[in-house]
Amino acid sequence: MNKLTEIKINRFQLNVLLNDEQKEGFDYLLNHGVFCTKCGETCSKGFDIEEIYLNSLNDIKIKGKCNVCCGNVARIIEFGGDKGFFNKANDFRKSIEK
């Protein structure tokens, strides 16, 4: 089996990939589960998303800046273990291949 590559996606593409339940979990983790190493705590005032990736395991990786200190933050949200999402992500990858 070929290893999948990490690909950059935009917010619209992310929205297409996630179902309503996954969107709720995603939003919750973004609001309560992103840790800033510079502040030393969870990003209490949120963060600005700068980049979104579909990683090699079909998980979602978010990179951004903490709204308090502007430190770099990242979060991997594990969706790739969900067979339905994994297959949808693979179909998405095929649809954007050149």
N, C-alpha and C. Protein backbone atom coordinates (compact mmCIF):
# COMPACT_ATOMS: atom_id res chain seq x y z
N MET A 1 0.84 -1.18 0.00
CA MET A 1 0.00 0.00 0.00
C MET A 1 0.88 1.24 0.00
N ASN A 2 0.56 2.19 -0.85
CA ASN A 2 1.33 3.42 -0.91
C ASN A 2 1.00 4.30 0.27
N LYS A 3 2.04 4.96 0.78
CA LYS A 3 1.83 5.90 1.87
C LYS A 3 1.21 7.18 1.31
N LEU A 4 0.20 7.67 1.98
CA LEU A 4 -0.44 8.90 1.56
C LEU A 4 0.45 10.08 1.89
N THR A 5 0.35 11.12 1.09
CA THR A 5 1.12 12.33 1.35
C THR A 5 0.24 13.33 2.09
N GLU A 6 0.88 14.24 2.80
CA GLU A 6 0.15 15.31 3.46
C GLU A 6 -0.20 16.35 2.41
N ILE A 7 -1.47 16.78 2.40
CA ILE A 7 -1.89 17.80 1.44
C ILE A 7 -2.55 18.95 2.17
N LYS A 8 -2.29 20.14 1.67
CA LYS A 8 -2.90 21.33 2.23
C LYS A 8 -4.31 21.46 1.66
N ILE A 9 -5.27 21.77 2.55
CA ILE A 9 -6.65 21.96 2.12
C ILE A 9 -7.15 23.30 2.64
N ASN A 10 -8.25 23.76 2.06
CA ASN A 10 -8.82 25.03 2.54
C ASN A 10 -10.06 24.75 3.39
N ARG A 11 -10.65 25.78 3.94
CA ARG A 11 -11.80 25.61 4.83
C ARG A 11 -13.01 25.03 4.12
N PHE A 12 -13.20 25.41 2.87
CA PHE A 12 -14.32 24.84 2.11
C PHE A 12 -14.15 23.34 1.95
N GLN A 13 -12.95 22.91 1.58
CA GLN A 13 -12.68 21.48 1.42
C GLN A 13 -12.86 20.74 2.74
N LEU A 14 -12.41 21.33 3.83
CA LEU A 14 -12.60 20.72 5.14
C LEU A 14 -14.08 20.57 5.45
N ASN A 15 -14.86 21.59 5.15
CA ASN A 15 -16.29 21.56 5.40
C ASN A 15 -16.98 20.45 4.61
N VAL A 16 -16.51 20.20 3.41
CA VAL A 16 -17.07 19.13 2.58
C VAL A 16 -16.72 17.75 3.17
N LEU A 17 -15.51 17.63 3.71
CA LEU A 17 -15.06 16.34 4.26
C LEU A 17 -15.78 15.94 5.55
N LEU A 18 -16.13 16.91 6.39
CA LEU A 18 -16.70 16.60 7.70
C LEU A 18 -18.22 16.55 7.66
N ASN A 19 -18.79 15.57 8.35
CA ASN A 19 -20.25 15.55 8.51
C ASN A 19 -20.60 16.44 9.71
N ASP A 20 -21.87 16.59 10.00
CA ASP A 20 -22.31 17.51 11.06
C ASP A 20 -21.73 17.13 12.43
N GLU A 21 -21.75 15.85 12.75
CA GLU A 21 -21.22 15.39 14.04
C GLU A 21 -19.71 15.66 14.14
N GLN A 22 -19.00 15.39 13.07
CA GLN A 22 -17.55 15.64 13.05
C GLN A 22 -17.26 17.13 13.17
N LYS A 23 -18.08 17.96 12.54
CA LYS A 23 -17.90 19.42 12.64
C LYS A 23 -18.05 19.89 14.08
N GLU A 24 -19.03 19.32 14.80
CA GLU A 24 -19.22 19.68 16.21
C GLU A 24 -17.99 19.32 17.04
N GLY A 25 -17.48 18.11 16.85
CA GLY A 25 -16.29 17.68 17.57
C GLY A 25 -15.08 18.51 17.21
N PHE A 26 -14.94 18.81 15.94
CA PHE A 26 -13.85 19.63 15.45
C PHE A 26 -13.88 21.02 16.10
N ASP A 27 -15.06 21.65 16.07
CA ASP A 27 -15.21 22.99 16.67
C ASP A 27 -14.93 22.97 18.17
N TYR A 28 -15.41 21.93 18.84
CA TYR A 28 -15.16 21.83 20.28
C TYR A 28 -13.66 21.74 20.56
N LEU A 29 -12.96 20.88 19.83
CA LEU A 29 -11.52 20.74 20.06
C LEU A 29 -10.77 22.02 19.74
N LEU A 30 -11.19 22.73 18.71
CA LEU A 30 -10.52 24.00 18.38
C LEU A 30 -10.74 25.04 19.47
N ASN A 31 -11.92 25.02 20.09
CA ASN A 31 -12.23 26.01 21.13
C ASN A 31 -11.74 25.62 22.52
N HIS A 32 -11.47 24.33 22.75
CA HIS A 32 -11.11 23.90 24.10
C HIS A 32 -9.88 23.01 24.16
N GLY A 33 -9.28 22.68 23.03
CA GLY A 33 -8.23 21.68 23.05
C GLY A 33 -6.98 22.01 22.27
N VAL A 34 -6.68 23.31 22.12
CA VAL A 34 -5.43 23.69 21.44
C VAL A 34 -4.52 24.31 22.48
N PHE A 35 -3.35 23.70 22.65
CA PHE A 35 -2.39 24.11 23.68
C PHE A 35 -1.31 24.99 23.06
N CYS A 36 -1.01 26.08 23.73
CA CYS A 36 0.06 26.98 23.30
C CYS A 36 1.27 26.75 24.19
N THR A 37 2.38 26.36 23.60
CA THR A 37 3.58 26.12 24.40
C THR A 37 4.19 27.42 24.91
N LYS A 38 3.95 28.51 24.22
CA LYS A 38 4.49 29.80 24.67
C LYS A 38 3.73 30.31 25.90
N CYS A 39 2.40 30.24 25.88
CA CYS A 39 1.58 30.63 27.03
C CYS A 39 1.65 29.58 28.14
N GLY A 40 1.83 28.33 27.74
CA GLY A 40 1.87 27.24 28.70
C GLY A 40 0.49 26.75 29.11
N GLU A 41 -0.52 27.06 28.29
CA GLU A 41 -1.88 26.63 28.59
C GLU A 41 -2.70 26.57 27.32
N THR A 42 -3.95 26.14 27.48
CA THR A 42 -4.87 26.10 26.36
C THR A 42 -5.13 27.51 25.85
N CYS A 43 -5.27 27.65 24.56
CA CYS A 43 -5.54 28.96 23.95
C CYS A 43 -6.90 29.46 24.41
N SER A 44 -6.91 30.18 25.53
CA SER A 44 -8.16 30.60 26.16
C SER A 44 -8.95 31.61 25.33
N LYS A 45 -8.28 32.36 24.50
CA LYS A 45 -8.94 33.34 23.65
C LYS A 45 -8.91 32.92 22.19
N GLY A 46 -8.72 31.63 21.98
CA GLY A 46 -8.73 31.10 20.63
C GLY A 46 -7.42 31.29 19.90
N PHE A 47 -7.46 30.97 18.63
CA PHE A 47 -6.29 31.13 17.78
C PHE A 47 -6.74 31.33 16.35
N ASP A 48 -5.87 31.90 15.55
CA ASP A 48 -6.15 32.12 14.14
C ASP A 48 -5.59 30.95 13.34
N ILE A 49 -6.47 30.30 12.59
CA ILE A 49 -6.04 29.19 11.74
C ILE A 49 -5.31 29.76 10.53
N GLU A 50 -4.10 29.28 10.31
CA GLU A 50 -3.33 29.72 9.15
C GLU A 50 -3.26 28.66 8.06
N GLU A 51 -3.21 27.39 8.47
CA GLU A 51 -3.08 26.30 7.50
C GLU A 51 -3.85 25.08 7.99
N ILE A 52 -4.41 24.36 7.04
CA ILE A 52 -5.13 23.12 7.32
C ILE A 52 -4.57 22.05 6.39
N TYR A 53 -4.31 20.88 6.96
CA TYR A 53 -3.76 19.78 6.17
C TYR A 53 -4.55 18.50 6.40
N LEU A 54 -4.60 17.69 5.38
CA LEU A 54 -5.04 16.31 5.49
C LEU A 54 -3.74 15.51 5.52
N ASN A 55 -3.42 14.90 6.68
CA ASN A 55 -2.10 14.29 6.81
C ASN A 55 -2.06 12.88 6.22
N SER A 56 -0.95 12.22 6.39
CA SER A 56 -0.73 10.92 5.77
C SER A 56 -1.61 9.81 6.35
N LEU A 57 -2.27 10.07 7.47
CA LEU A 57 -3.19 9.10 8.08
C LEU A 57 -4.66 9.50 7.87
N ASN A 58 -4.87 10.52 7.04
CA ASN A 58 -6.18 11.12 6.80
C ASN A 58 -6.75 11.74 8.07
N ASP A 59 -5.88 12.23 8.93
CA ASP A 59 -6.28 13.05 10.06
C ASP A 59 -6.16 14.50 9.63
N ILE A 60 -6.80 15.40 10.36
CA ILE A 60 -6.75 16.82 10.06
C ILE A 60 -5.71 17.49 10.95
N LYS A 61 -4.79 18.22 10.34
CA LYS A 61 -3.78 18.97 11.10
C LYS A 61 -4.02 20.45 10.86
N ILE A 62 -4.10 21.19 11.98
CA ILE A 62 -4.34 22.63 11.95
C ILE A 62 -3.10 23.33 12.50
N LYS A 63 -2.68 24.39 11.82
CA LYS A 63 -1.59 25.23 12.32
C LYS A 63 -2.10 26.66 12.39
N GLY A 64 -1.64 27.39 13.42
CA GLY A 64 -2.08 28.76 13.55
C GLY A 64 -1.29 29.53 14.59
N LYS A 65 -1.86 30.66 15.02
CA LYS A 65 -1.22 31.55 16.00
C LYS A 65 -2.18 31.80 17.16
N CYS A 66 -1.67 31.70 18.37
CA CYS A 66 -2.43 31.97 19.58
C CYS A 66 -2.87 33.44 19.59
N ASN A 67 -4.12 33.68 19.95
CA ASN A 67 -4.64 35.05 20.00
C ASN A 67 -4.12 35.84 21.19
N VAL A 68 -3.52 35.17 22.18
CA VAL A 68 -2.99 35.88 23.35
C VAL A 68 -1.55 36.33 23.10
N CYS A 69 -0.70 35.39 22.68
CA CYS A 69 0.73 35.69 22.60
C CYS A 69 1.31 35.61 21.19
N CYS A 70 0.50 35.22 20.22
CA CYS A 70 0.92 35.03 18.82
C CYS A 70 1.91 33.88 18.65
N GLY A 71 1.98 33.00 19.64
CA GLY A 71 2.84 31.82 19.52
C GLY A 71 2.25 30.83 18.52
N ASN A 72 3.13 30.03 17.92
CA ASN A 72 2.67 29.00 16.98
C ASN A 72 1.95 27.89 17.73
N VAL A 73 0.83 27.47 17.19
CA VAL A 73 0.09 26.35 17.76
C VAL A 73 -0.25 25.38 16.65
N ALA A 74 -0.46 24.14 17.03
CA ALA A 74 -0.88 23.11 16.08
C ALA A 74 -1.73 22.10 16.81
N ARG A 75 -2.60 21.45 16.05
CA ARG A 75 -3.46 20.42 16.62
C ARG A 75 -3.75 19.40 15.54
N ILE A 76 -3.62 18.13 15.89
CA ILE A 76 -4.03 17.05 14.99
C ILE A 76 -5.34 16.49 15.55
N ILE A 77 -6.32 16.43 14.69
CA ILE A 77 -7.62 15.89 15.07
C ILE A 77 -7.79 14.58 14.31
N GLU A 78 -7.90 13.51 15.06
CA GLU A 78 -7.85 12.18 14.48
C GLU A 78 -9.21 11.74 13.94
N PHE A 79 -9.34 11.89 12.63
CA PHE A 79 -10.53 11.41 11.94
C PHE A 79 -10.22 10.19 11.09
N GLY A 80 -8.95 9.96 10.79
CA GLY A 80 -8.55 8.90 9.89
C GLY A 80 -8.91 7.50 10.36
N GLY A 81 -9.10 7.32 11.67
CA GLY A 81 -9.47 6.03 12.20
C GLY A 81 -10.93 5.68 11.93
N ASP A 82 -11.73 6.67 11.57
CA ASP A 82 -13.13 6.46 11.20
C ASP A 82 -13.15 6.00 9.75
N LYS A 83 -13.57 4.76 9.52
CA LYS A 83 -13.51 4.18 8.17
C LYS A 83 -14.27 5.02 7.15
N GLY A 84 -15.44 5.53 7.53
CA GLY A 84 -16.22 6.36 6.62
C GLY A 84 -15.47 7.62 6.22
N PHE A 85 -14.87 8.28 7.21
CA PHE A 85 -14.11 9.49 6.91
C PHE A 85 -12.88 9.15 6.08
N PHE A 86 -12.19 8.07 6.45
CA PHE A 86 -10.97 7.67 5.73
C PHE A 86 -11.28 7.45 4.25
N ASN A 87 -12.37 6.75 3.97
CA ASN A 87 -12.74 6.50 2.57
C ASN A 87 -13.15 7.78 1.86
N LYS A 88 -13.87 8.66 2.56
CA LYS A 88 -14.26 9.94 1.97
C LYS A 88 -13.03 10.79 1.66
N ALA A 89 -12.05 10.76 2.58
CA ALA A 89 -10.81 11.51 2.37
C ALA A 89 -10.03 10.94 1.18
N ASN A 90 -10.02 9.62 1.04
CA ASN A 90 -9.33 9.02 -0.11
C ASN A 90 -10.02 9.40 -1.41
N ASP A 91 -11.35 9.40 -1.42
CA ASP A 91 -12.09 9.83 -2.61
C ASP A 91 -11.77 11.29 -2.92
N PHE A 92 -11.68 12.12 -1.88
CA PHE A 92 -11.32 13.52 -2.07
C PHE A 92 -9.94 13.64 -2.69
N ARG A 93 -8.99 12.87 -2.16
CA ARG A 93 -7.63 12.91 -2.72
C ARG A 93 -7.63 12.56 -4.21
N LYS A 94 -8.38 11.54 -4.57
CA LYS A 94 -8.45 11.12 -5.98
C LYS A 94 -9.07 12.23 -6.84
N SER A 95 -10.04 12.94 -6.29
CA SER A 95 -10.73 13.97 -7.06
C SER A 95 -9.86 15.19 -7.34
N ILE A 96 -8.83 15.40 -6.54
CA ILE A 96 -7.96 16.57 -6.76
C ILE A 96 -6.62 16.21 -7.40
N GLU A 97 -6.40 14.92 -7.66
CA GLU A 97 -5.15 14.53 -8.33
C GLU A 97 -5.10 15.13 -9.72
N LYS A 98 -3.90 15.45 -10.14
CA LYS A 98 -3.71 16.04 -11.48
C LYS A 98 -3.23 15.02 -12.44
